[in-house]
């Protein structure tokens, strides 16, 4: 008699049919789409080294594992990208100057007003 063969569960299917989300508006799109159906943003980018197609939200290339973009400090409200130390230092200095100015204004306005001496003006009469 032959022994029963133990079946190994199949590996989960690759996420080829899973929807992808847009990096701009966070809406889900069909995997075959090139641009977002809601905002029109590109969903895919090419790796600059191996030219492989990667999701825009990926931090590294799926084929060569190269970093997809340079790191940059982003001020989200204004969309301002600061890529070098000089720009970052300038923004930090400006913010520090604003904070010091605000603190000085608060201290100045919280002080009591000095007493004024009575005026010695003689009334004509």
N, C-alpha and C. Protein backbone atom coordinates (compact mmCIF):
# COMPACT_ATOMS: atom_id res chain seq x y z
N UNK A 1 0.81 -1.19 0.00
CA UNK A 1 0.00 0.00 0.00
C UNK A 1 0.85 1.26 0.00
N UNK A 2 0.40 2.23 -0.71
CA UNK A 2 1.14 3.48 -0.75
C UNK A 2 0.66 4.41 0.37
N UNK A 3 1.59 5.19 0.82
CA UNK A 3 1.26 6.15 1.89
C UNK A 3 0.55 7.35 1.28
N UNK A 4 -0.38 7.96 2.05
CA UNK A 4 -1.06 9.13 1.51
C UNK A 4 -0.09 10.30 1.33
N UNK A 5 -0.24 10.99 0.26
CA UNK A 5 0.62 12.14 -0.04
C UNK A 5 0.04 13.37 0.64
N UNK A 6 0.88 14.03 1.37
CA UNK A 6 0.43 15.23 2.08
C UNK A 6 0.39 16.39 1.10
N UNK A 7 -0.72 17.05 1.04
CA UNK A 7 -0.86 18.18 0.12
C UNK A 7 -0.41 19.46 0.81
N UNK A 8 0.34 20.23 0.10
CA UNK A 8 0.82 21.51 0.60
C UNK A 8 -0.09 22.60 0.05
N UNK A 9 -0.58 23.48 0.92
CA UNK A 9 -1.44 24.53 0.41
C UNK A 9 -0.70 25.42 -0.58
N UNK A 10 -1.41 25.85 -1.59
CA UNK A 10 -0.81 26.69 -2.62
C UNK A 10 -0.48 28.06 -2.05
N UNK A 11 0.57 28.64 -2.56
CA UNK A 11 0.95 29.99 -2.14
C UNK A 11 -0.12 30.97 -2.58
N UNK A 12 -0.32 32.01 -1.81
CA UNK A 12 -1.33 32.98 -2.21
C UNK A 12 -1.00 33.57 -3.57
N UNK A 13 -2.02 33.84 -4.32
CA UNK A 13 -1.83 34.39 -5.67
C UNK A 13 -1.20 35.77 -5.59
N UNK A 14 -0.40 36.08 -6.56
CA UNK A 14 0.20 37.41 -6.61
C UNK A 14 -0.90 38.45 -6.75
N UNK A 15 -0.62 39.61 -6.27
CA UNK A 15 -1.64 40.65 -6.26
C UNK A 15 -1.73 41.34 -7.61
N UNK A 16 -1.92 40.55 -8.63
CA UNK A 16 -2.02 41.13 -9.97
C UNK A 16 -3.41 41.68 -10.23
N UNK A 17 -4.40 41.20 -9.50
CA UNK A 17 -5.75 41.68 -9.74
C UNK A 17 -6.20 42.65 -8.65
N UNK A 18 -5.35 42.93 -7.67
CA UNK A 18 -5.71 43.84 -6.59
C UNK A 18 -5.71 45.28 -7.11
N UNK A 19 -6.66 46.09 -6.68
CA UNK A 19 -6.66 47.49 -7.13
C UNK A 19 -5.49 48.25 -6.50
N UNK A 20 -5.09 49.31 -7.16
CA UNK A 20 -4.01 50.15 -6.63
C UNK A 20 -4.59 51.51 -6.29
N UNK A 21 -3.98 52.18 -5.33
CA UNK A 21 -4.50 53.48 -4.95
C UNK A 21 -3.60 54.59 -5.49
N UNK A 22 -4.24 55.70 -5.75
CA UNK A 22 -3.55 56.87 -6.29
C UNK A 22 -2.76 57.55 -5.18
N UNK A 23 -1.55 58.00 -5.48
CA UNK A 23 -0.73 58.69 -4.49
C UNK A 23 -1.25 60.09 -4.19
N UNK A 24 -2.01 60.67 -5.11
CA UNK A 24 -2.51 62.03 -4.92
C UNK A 24 -3.83 62.07 -4.17
N UNK A 25 -4.82 61.33 -4.65
CA UNK A 25 -6.18 61.44 -4.08
C UNK A 25 -6.61 60.21 -3.29
N UNK A 26 -5.78 59.17 -3.24
CA UNK A 26 -6.05 57.94 -2.48
C UNK A 26 -7.25 57.14 -2.97
N UNK A 27 -7.70 57.37 -4.19
CA UNK A 27 -8.80 56.59 -4.77
C UNK A 27 -8.23 55.31 -5.36
N UNK A 28 -9.02 54.24 -5.27
CA UNK A 28 -8.60 52.96 -5.83
C UNK A 28 -8.91 52.92 -7.32
N UNK A 29 -7.97 52.34 -8.09
CA UNK A 29 -8.07 52.24 -9.55
C UNK A 29 -7.81 50.81 -9.97
N UNK A 30 -8.27 50.48 -11.16
CA UNK A 30 -8.00 49.15 -11.72
C UNK A 30 -6.51 49.04 -12.01
N UNK A 31 -5.98 47.85 -11.87
CA UNK A 31 -4.55 47.63 -12.00
C UNK A 31 -4.03 47.95 -13.41
N UNK A 32 -4.87 47.85 -14.42
CA UNK A 32 -4.44 48.12 -15.78
C UNK A 32 -4.42 49.61 -16.12
N UNK A 33 -4.96 50.44 -15.25
CA UNK A 33 -5.06 51.88 -15.53
C UNK A 33 -3.67 52.53 -15.52
N UNK A 34 -3.50 53.51 -16.38
CA UNK A 34 -2.25 54.25 -16.45
C UNK A 34 -2.35 55.51 -15.59
N UNK A 35 -3.52 56.15 -15.61
CA UNK A 35 -3.74 57.35 -14.82
C UNK A 35 -4.94 57.13 -13.90
N UNK A 36 -5.03 57.94 -12.87
CA UNK A 36 -6.12 57.84 -11.91
C UNK A 36 -7.43 58.26 -12.56
N UNK A 37 -8.49 57.53 -12.29
CA UNK A 37 -9.79 57.87 -12.88
C UNK A 37 -10.40 59.09 -12.22
N UNK A 38 -9.97 59.44 -11.01
CA UNK A 38 -10.55 60.58 -10.30
C UNK A 38 -9.79 61.88 -10.56
N UNK A 39 -8.45 61.84 -10.42
CA UNK A 39 -7.69 63.09 -10.53
C UNK A 39 -6.77 63.15 -11.74
N UNK A 40 -6.55 62.05 -12.42
CA UNK A 40 -5.72 62.05 -13.63
C UNK A 40 -4.22 61.92 -13.37
N UNK A 41 -3.80 61.68 -12.13
CA UNK A 41 -2.38 61.54 -11.82
C UNK A 41 -1.85 60.21 -12.35
N UNK A 42 -0.58 60.17 -12.68
CA UNK A 42 0.04 58.93 -13.16
C UNK A 42 0.16 57.93 -12.02
N UNK A 43 -0.14 56.67 -12.31
CA UNK A 43 -0.09 55.62 -11.29
C UNK A 43 1.21 54.83 -11.34
N UNK A 44 1.93 54.92 -12.44
CA UNK A 44 3.14 54.12 -12.63
C UNK A 44 4.31 55.02 -12.96
N UNK A 45 5.52 54.60 -12.56
CA UNK A 45 6.75 55.29 -12.93
C UNK A 45 7.76 54.24 -13.38
N UNK A 46 8.76 54.68 -14.16
CA UNK A 46 9.82 53.79 -14.61
C UNK A 46 11.06 54.02 -13.77
N UNK A 47 11.73 52.95 -13.44
CA UNK A 47 12.99 53.03 -12.71
C UNK A 47 14.03 53.66 -13.63
N UNK A 48 14.80 54.60 -13.10
CA UNK A 48 15.80 55.27 -13.93
C UNK A 48 16.99 54.38 -14.25
N UNK A 49 17.17 53.30 -13.49
CA UNK A 49 18.30 52.40 -13.73
C UNK A 49 17.93 51.27 -14.68
N UNK A 50 16.87 50.49 -14.36
CA UNK A 50 16.55 49.31 -15.17
C UNK A 50 15.30 49.50 -16.04
N UNK A 51 14.65 50.64 -15.94
CA UNK A 51 13.47 51.01 -16.74
C UNK A 51 12.27 50.10 -16.48
N UNK A 52 12.22 49.46 -15.31
CA UNK A 52 11.09 48.60 -14.97
C UNK A 52 9.90 49.46 -14.54
N UNK A 53 8.70 48.98 -14.81
CA UNK A 53 7.47 49.68 -14.45
C UNK A 53 7.17 49.41 -12.98
N UNK A 54 7.02 50.47 -12.18
CA UNK A 54 6.76 50.35 -10.75
C UNK A 54 5.59 51.24 -10.36
N UNK A 55 4.95 50.87 -9.26
CA UNK A 55 3.89 51.72 -8.72
C UNK A 55 4.48 53.05 -8.29
N UNK A 56 3.71 54.10 -8.43
CA UNK A 56 4.18 55.42 -8.05
C UNK A 56 4.42 55.50 -6.54
N UNK A 57 3.68 54.72 -5.76
CA UNK A 57 3.81 54.76 -4.31
C UNK A 57 4.96 53.91 -3.80
N UNK A 58 5.62 53.15 -4.67
CA UNK A 58 6.73 52.28 -4.25
C UNK A 58 7.95 53.12 -3.91
N UNK A 59 8.65 52.72 -2.86
CA UNK A 59 9.85 53.45 -2.49
C UNK A 59 11.09 52.88 -3.19
N UNK A 60 11.04 51.60 -3.57
CA UNK A 60 12.16 50.97 -4.26
C UNK A 60 11.67 50.20 -5.48
N UNK A 61 12.53 50.05 -6.44
CA UNK A 61 12.21 49.33 -7.67
C UNK A 61 12.01 47.86 -7.35
N UNK A 62 11.01 47.25 -7.93
CA UNK A 62 10.71 45.84 -7.69
C UNK A 62 11.76 44.93 -8.33
N UNK A 63 12.44 45.39 -9.38
CA UNK A 63 13.42 44.55 -10.07
C UNK A 63 14.83 44.74 -9.51
N UNK A 64 15.33 45.98 -9.46
CA UNK A 64 16.73 46.20 -9.06
C UNK A 64 16.88 46.78 -7.65
N UNK A 65 15.79 47.07 -6.98
CA UNK A 65 15.76 47.57 -5.59
C UNK A 65 16.43 48.92 -5.41
N UNK A 66 16.52 49.68 -6.47
CA UNK A 66 17.07 51.02 -6.36
C UNK A 66 15.99 51.95 -5.80
N UNK A 67 16.42 52.94 -5.02
CA UNK A 67 15.47 53.91 -4.48
C UNK A 67 14.84 54.69 -5.63
N UNK A 68 13.52 54.82 -5.61
CA UNK A 68 12.80 55.40 -6.74
C UNK A 68 12.94 56.91 -6.84
N UNK A 69 13.12 57.58 -5.74
CA UNK A 69 13.21 59.03 -5.79
C UNK A 69 14.16 59.51 -4.71
N UNK A 70 14.64 60.71 -4.90
CA UNK A 70 15.50 61.30 -3.88
C UNK A 70 14.65 61.65 -2.68
N UNK A 71 15.23 61.56 -1.53
CA UNK A 71 14.51 61.96 -0.32
C UNK A 71 14.41 63.47 -0.31
N UNK A 72 13.27 63.96 0.05
CA UNK A 72 13.10 65.39 0.15
C UNK A 72 12.10 65.69 1.25
N UNK A 73 12.30 66.80 1.90
CA UNK A 73 11.39 67.25 2.94
C UNK A 73 10.29 68.03 2.24
N UNK A 74 9.04 67.61 2.44
CA UNK A 74 7.93 68.23 1.73
C UNK A 74 7.02 68.94 2.73
N UNK A 75 6.76 70.20 2.45
CA UNK A 75 5.75 70.92 3.22
C UNK A 75 4.44 70.68 2.50
N UNK A 76 3.57 69.79 3.02
CA UNK A 76 2.42 69.32 2.26
C UNK A 76 1.41 70.40 1.90
N UNK A 77 1.21 71.36 2.74
CA UNK A 77 0.18 72.35 2.46
C UNK A 77 0.55 73.19 1.24
N UNK A 78 1.83 73.53 1.11
CA UNK A 78 2.25 74.39 0.01
C UNK A 78 2.87 73.61 -1.14
N UNK A 79 3.18 72.33 -0.93
CA UNK A 79 3.80 71.54 -1.99
C UNK A 79 5.25 71.93 -2.24
N UNK A 80 5.90 72.55 -1.26
CA UNK A 80 7.27 73.02 -1.39
C UNK A 80 8.22 71.88 -1.06
N UNK A 81 9.15 71.58 -1.94
CA UNK A 81 10.11 70.51 -1.71
C UNK A 81 11.47 71.12 -1.37
N UNK A 82 12.01 70.70 -0.25
CA UNK A 82 13.32 71.17 0.18
C UNK A 82 14.29 69.99 0.06
N UNK A 83 15.25 70.10 -0.84
CA UNK A 83 16.10 68.96 -1.13
C UNK A 83 17.50 69.08 -0.56
N UNK A 84 17.96 70.25 -0.24
CA UNK A 84 19.32 70.33 0.28
C UNK A 84 19.34 70.98 1.66
N UNK A 85 20.49 70.89 2.30
CA UNK A 85 20.62 71.38 3.67
C UNK A 85 20.42 72.88 3.78
N UNK A 86 20.87 73.61 2.78
CA UNK A 86 20.76 75.07 2.82
C UNK A 86 19.29 75.50 2.86
N UNK A 87 18.47 74.88 2.02
CA UNK A 87 17.04 75.22 2.01
C UNK A 87 16.39 74.84 3.33
N UNK A 88 16.73 73.67 3.87
CA UNK A 88 16.15 73.24 5.14
C UNK A 88 16.56 74.16 6.28
N UNK A 89 17.84 74.57 6.29
CA UNK A 89 18.31 75.49 7.32
C UNK A 89 17.59 76.83 7.24
N UNK A 90 17.36 77.29 6.02
CA UNK A 90 16.68 78.57 5.84
C UNK A 90 15.25 78.51 6.37
N UNK A 91 14.54 77.43 6.11
CA UNK A 91 13.17 77.27 6.61
C UNK A 91 13.18 77.16 8.13
N UNK A 92 14.13 76.40 8.69
CA UNK A 92 14.21 76.28 10.15
C UNK A 92 14.49 77.63 10.79
N UNK A 93 15.41 78.40 10.21
CA UNK A 93 15.74 79.72 10.76
C UNK A 93 14.53 80.65 10.70
N UNK A 94 13.80 80.60 9.61
CA UNK A 94 12.60 81.43 9.46
C UNK A 94 11.55 81.05 10.50
N UNK A 95 11.34 79.76 10.70
CA UNK A 95 10.37 79.30 11.70
C UNK A 95 10.81 79.69 13.11
N UNK A 96 12.10 79.57 13.39
CA UNK A 96 12.61 79.97 14.70
C UNK A 96 12.43 81.46 14.91
N UNK A 97 12.69 82.25 13.89
CA UNK A 97 12.49 83.70 13.98
C UNK A 97 11.03 84.03 14.25
N UNK A 98 10.11 83.34 13.59
CA UNK A 98 8.69 83.56 13.84
C UNK A 98 8.31 83.20 15.27
N UNK A 99 8.82 82.08 15.77
CA UNK A 99 8.52 81.68 17.14
C UNK A 99 9.08 82.66 18.17
N UNK A 100 10.30 83.14 17.96
CA UNK A 100 10.89 84.12 18.88
C UNK A 100 10.10 85.42 18.83
N UNK A 101 9.71 85.84 17.65
CA UNK A 101 8.91 87.06 17.53
C UNK A 101 7.56 86.93 18.21
N UNK A 102 6.92 85.78 18.05
CA UNK A 102 5.63 85.55 18.69
C UNK A 102 5.78 85.53 20.22
N UNK A 103 6.83 84.89 20.72
CA UNK A 103 7.06 84.85 22.16
C UNK A 103 7.32 86.25 22.71
N UNK A 104 8.12 87.03 22.00
CA UNK A 104 8.39 88.41 22.44
C UNK A 104 7.11 89.23 22.45
N UNK A 105 6.27 89.06 21.44
CA UNK A 105 5.02 89.81 21.38
C UNK A 105 4.10 89.42 22.56
N UNK A 106 4.03 88.12 22.85
CA UNK A 106 3.20 87.67 23.97
C UNK A 106 3.72 88.20 25.30
N UNK A 107 5.03 88.18 25.50
CA UNK A 107 5.61 88.71 26.75
C UNK A 107 5.36 90.21 26.84
N UNK A 108 5.56 90.93 25.78
CA UNK A 108 5.37 92.38 25.78
C UNK A 108 3.92 92.75 26.10
N UNK A 109 2.97 92.02 25.54
CA UNK A 109 1.56 92.34 25.76
C UNK A 109 1.02 91.79 27.07
N UNK A 110 1.75 90.91 27.73
CA UNK A 110 1.28 90.40 29.02
C UNK A 110 1.78 91.26 30.18
N UNK A 111 2.74 92.16 29.93
CA UNK A 111 3.24 93.03 30.99
C UNK A 111 2.18 94.06 31.35
N UNK A 112 2.09 94.46 32.63
CA UNK A 112 1.12 95.51 33.00
C UNK A 112 1.59 96.86 32.47
N UNK A 113 0.65 97.71 32.19
CA UNK A 113 0.99 99.05 31.70
C UNK A 113 1.58 99.86 32.86
N UNK A 114 2.60 100.67 32.60
CA UNK A 114 3.19 101.49 33.67
C UNK A 114 2.22 102.58 34.09
N UNK A 115 2.31 102.96 35.40
CA UNK A 115 1.44 104.04 35.89
C UNK A 115 1.95 105.37 35.35
N UNK A 116 1.04 106.19 34.96
CA UNK A 116 1.41 107.50 34.43
C UNK A 116 1.21 108.54 35.54
N UNK A 117 2.18 109.40 35.71
CA UNK A 117 2.04 110.46 36.72
C UNK A 117 0.95 111.46 36.28
N UNK A 118 0.26 112.06 37.23
CA UNK A 118 -0.76 113.06 36.83
C UNK A 118 -0.10 114.25 36.15
N UNK A 119 -0.76 114.79 35.21
CA UNK A 119 -0.21 115.94 34.46
C UNK A 119 -0.39 117.22 35.29
N UNK A 120 0.58 118.12 35.22
CA UNK A 120 0.56 119.36 35.95
C UNK A 120 0.17 120.52 35.06
N UNK A 121 -0.85 120.39 34.38
CA UNK A 121 -1.28 121.50 33.51
C UNK A 121 -2.27 122.35 34.30
N UNK A 122 -1.98 123.59 34.33
CA UNK A 122 -2.84 124.53 35.05
C UNK A 122 -3.96 124.98 34.13
N UNK A 123 -5.15 124.97 34.70
CA UNK A 123 -6.28 125.41 33.88
C UNK A 123 -6.35 126.93 33.90
N UNK A 124 -6.57 127.55 32.75
CA UNK A 124 -6.68 129.00 32.72
C UNK A 124 -7.95 129.46 33.46
N UNK A 125 -7.77 130.43 34.26
CA UNK A 125 -8.98 130.89 34.90
C UNK A 125 -8.87 131.84 35.90
